[in-house]
């Protein structure tokens, strides 16, 4: 699951980093959450100021409880209710124990060809798109749009070899319950 909040060019991004420091503690112990990535992009280094939250849940229930609860409402009160994207997870690989060293995440989305078996397509993507310097890679898909998503967490800032709808996030905190 992910949501992004684009912010004005003159927005003080240090306020977002301070907010992350203030609000991250409950997520460090959130039941049913595998991880939460806090991405902050500053327009001095990227095209726009942006705050993004990326989650990997153990099931739909804790995700639903979060979206209908106080923690999400606090976000919505501060930034307005964002569009929440979610995907069915196909595969997770890598070393989740090493996520604490993550400094960057890259999300790529791409269409799944209509005449192709979805599982075969995702497996072939997995075979050819894993890098040794990857910490964790999550592959999923949206059955409403038939788009695949590849979310990869890195310890540094990678060059993107095949930038298919690629978006990079600089990680300022990672919650690992």
Protein backbone atom coordinates (compact mmCIF):
# COMPACT_ATOMS: atom_id res chain seq x y z
CA UNK A 1 0.00 0.00 0.00
CA UNK A 2 1.23 3.51 -0.74
CA UNK A 3 0.15 7.11 -0.75
CA UNK A 4 2.02 10.21 -1.87
CA UNK A 5 1.56 13.84 -0.99
CA UNK A 6 3.07 16.40 -3.36
CA UNK A 7 3.90 19.62 -1.50
CA UNK A 8 4.41 23.24 -2.67
CA UNK A 9 7.87 24.32 -3.84
CA UNK A 10 8.24 26.65 -0.86
CA UNK A 11 7.24 24.00 1.71
CA UNK A 12 9.83 23.52 4.46
CA UNK A 13 10.65 19.83 4.07
CA UNK A 14 12.33 19.83 7.48
CA UNK A 15 8.77 20.03 8.89
CA UNK A 16 8.02 16.70 7.21
CA UNK A 17 11.20 15.12 8.59
CA UNK A 18 10.28 16.39 12.07
CA UNK A 19 6.77 14.98 11.66
CA UNK A 20 8.24 11.58 10.78
CA UNK A 21 10.32 11.68 13.98
CA UNK A 22 7.18 12.54 15.99
CA UNK A 23 4.73 10.05 14.47
CA UNK A 24 6.84 6.99 13.63
CA UNK A 25 6.92 5.35 17.09
CA UNK A 26 3.46 3.68 16.89
CA UNK A 27 4.41 2.12 13.56
CA UNK A 28 7.59 0.66 15.04
CA UNK A 29 5.25 -1.70 16.96
CA UNK A 30 2.14 -1.85 14.74
CA UNK A 31 0.51 -5.30 14.77
CA UNK A 32 0.25 -6.80 11.28
CA UNK A 33 2.76 -4.44 9.66
CA UNK A 34 5.91 -5.92 8.12
CA UNK A 35 7.40 -2.51 7.38
CA UNK A 36 6.64 1.13 6.69
CA UNK A 37 8.95 3.27 4.56
CA UNK A 38 8.90 7.04 5.02
CA UNK A 39 9.97 8.73 1.79
CA UNK A 40 10.79 12.43 1.63
CA UNK A 41 11.84 14.01 -1.65
CA UNK A 42 13.11 17.58 -1.70
CA UNK A 43 12.66 19.64 -4.86
CA UNK A 44 16.32 20.68 -4.68
CA UNK A 45 17.23 17.06 -5.57
CA UNK A 46 14.05 15.78 -7.25
CA UNK A 47 11.33 17.28 -9.46
CA UNK A 48 9.07 18.21 -6.52
CA UNK A 49 8.70 18.29 -2.76
CA UNK A 50 6.95 15.09 -1.76
CA UNK A 51 6.09 12.98 1.27
CA UNK A 52 5.24 9.31 0.76
CA UNK A 53 4.36 6.36 2.97
CA UNK A 54 4.84 2.80 1.74
CA UNK A 55 3.60 -0.21 3.73
CA UNK A 56 3.83 -3.97 3.54
CA UNK A 57 0.99 -5.53 5.56
CA UNK A 58 0.62 -9.13 6.72
CA UNK A 59 -3.04 -9.15 5.57
CA UNK A 60 -5.92 -6.86 4.62
CA UNK A 61 -7.25 -6.63 8.18
CA UNK A 62 -4.47 -4.49 9.76
CA UNK A 63 -4.44 -2.31 6.63
CA UNK A 64 -8.19 -1.74 6.92
CA UNK A 65 -7.88 -0.99 10.66
CA UNK A 66 -5.14 1.54 9.95
CA UNK A 67 -7.11 3.29 7.19
CA UNK A 68 -10.21 3.60 9.39
CA UNK A 69 -8.33 4.53 12.56
CA UNK A 70 -6.74 7.50 14.29
CA UNK A 71 -3.24 7.24 12.81
CA UNK A 72 -4.45 7.62 9.23
CA UNK A 73 -6.93 10.29 10.27
CA UNK A 74 -4.06 12.28 11.81
CA UNK A 75 -2.29 12.19 8.43
CA UNK A 76 -5.49 13.21 6.61
CA UNK A 77 -5.98 16.13 9.01
CA UNK A 78 -2.41 17.35 8.37
CA UNK A 79 -2.20 16.84 4.59
CA UNK A 80 -5.75 15.96 3.41
CA UNK A 81 -6.87 12.42 2.63
CA UNK A 82 -4.63 11.05 -0.12
CA UNK A 83 -5.32 8.57 -2.87
CA UNK A 84 -4.27 5.20 -1.43
CA UNK A 85 -2.83 2.68 -3.88
CA UNK A 86 -2.70 -0.97 -2.98
CA UNK A 87 -1.51 -4.06 -4.76
CA UNK A 88 -1.83 -7.81 -4.32
CA UNK A 89 1.60 -9.09 -3.34
CA UNK A 90 3.04 -11.74 -5.65
CA UNK A 91 6.52 -12.13 -4.11
CA UNK A 92 8.81 -10.66 -1.47
CA UNK A 93 12.49 -11.45 -1.57
CA UNK A 94 15.67 -10.25 0.01
CA UNK A 95 16.75 -9.69 3.60
CA UNK A 96 14.05 -7.89 5.59
CA UNK A 97 16.46 -7.94 8.53
CA UNK A 98 18.66 -5.57 6.54
CA UNK A 99 15.90 -3.03 5.87
CA UNK A 100 17.22 -0.75 8.62
CA UNK A 101 20.10 0.16 6.30
CA UNK A 102 17.74 1.20 3.48
CA UNK A 103 18.37 4.69 2.13
CA UNK A 104 16.34 4.67 -1.06
CA UNK A 105 13.28 2.94 -2.52
CA UNK A 106 12.34 2.76 -6.18
CA UNK A 107 8.81 1.97 -7.33
CA UNK A 108 8.24 0.94 -10.94
CA UNK A 109 4.81 0.28 -12.41
CA UNK A 110 4.08 -1.24 -15.79
CA UNK A 111 1.20 -2.82 -17.66
CA UNK A 112 0.80 -6.58 -17.82
CA UNK A 113 0.14 -7.64 -21.43
CA UNK A 114 -3.52 -8.67 -21.84
CA UNK A 115 -2.90 -12.01 -23.49
CA UNK A 116 -0.23 -13.07 -20.99
CA UNK A 117 -0.81 -15.24 -17.94
CA UNK A 118 -0.28 -12.90 -14.97
CA UNK A 119 1.69 -15.35 -12.82
CA UNK A 120 4.05 -16.24 -15.68
CA UNK A 121 4.66 -12.56 -16.44
CA UNK A 122 5.47 -11.72 -12.81
CA UNK A 123 7.77 -14.74 -12.47
CA UNK A 124 9.71 -13.71 -15.58
CA UNK A 125 10.04 -10.17 -14.20
CA UNK A 126 11.44 -11.63 -10.98
CA UNK A 127 13.98 -13.74 -12.89
CA UNK A 128 15.49 -10.83 -14.76
CA UNK A 129 15.11 -7.95 -12.30
CA UNK A 130 16.95 -8.74 -9.10
CA UNK A 131 20.16 -6.92 -8.26
CA UNK A 132 22.70 -8.20 -5.74
CA UNK A 133 22.70 -4.82 -3.94
CA UNK A 134 18.94 -4.98 -3.35
CA UNK A 135 17.88 -5.22 0.30
CA UNK A 136 14.22 -6.14 -0.29
CA UNK A 137 12.11 -6.39 -3.43
CA UNK A 138 8.31 -6.61 -3.41
CA UNK A 139 6.49 -7.58 -6.61
CA UNK A 140 2.74 -7.10 -6.79
CA UNK A 141 -0.09 -6.28 -9.16
CA UNK A 142 -3.33 -4.33 -9.32
CA UNK A 143 -6.14 -6.52 -10.72
CA UNK A 144 -8.24 -3.40 -11.42
CA UNK A 145 -5.75 -1.86 -13.86
CA UNK A 146 -3.65 -4.98 -14.57
CA UNK A 147 -0.50 -3.13 -13.66
CA UNK A 148 2.48 -4.74 -11.99
CA UNK A 149 4.54 -2.95 -9.36
CA UNK A 150 8.15 -3.52 -8.40
CA UNK A 151 9.16 -1.85 -5.14
CA UNK A 152 12.86 -2.23 -4.39
CA UNK A 153 14.69 -0.97 -1.30
CA UNK A 154 18.40 -0.13 -1.64
CA UNK A 155 21.16 0.77 0.78
CA UNK A 156 22.32 3.53 -1.60
CA UNK A 157 20.89 5.49 -4.50
CA UNK A 158 20.72 3.18 -7.53
CA UNK A 159 20.87 3.97 -11.19
CA UNK A 160 17.66 2.67 -12.71
CA UNK A 161 18.54 0.38 -15.64
CA UNK A 162 15.04 0.10 -17.11
CA UNK A 163 13.15 3.15 -15.86
CA UNK A 164 9.60 1.95 -16.50
CA UNK A 165 7.40 4.50 -14.72
CA UNK A 166 10.11 4.70 -12.07
CA UNK A 167 9.83 6.86 -8.98
CA UNK A 168 12.63 7.17 -6.43
CA UNK A 169 12.10 7.92 -2.72
CA UNK A 170 14.77 9.01 -0.23
CA UNK A 171 14.04 7.16 3.00
CA UNK A 172 14.15 9.14 6.24
CA UNK A 173 12.87 6.35 8.51
CA UNK A 174 11.84 2.70 8.29
CA UNK A 175 9.46 1.17 10.82
CA UNK A 176 10.12 -2.54 11.39
CA UNK A 177 7.66 -3.97 13.92
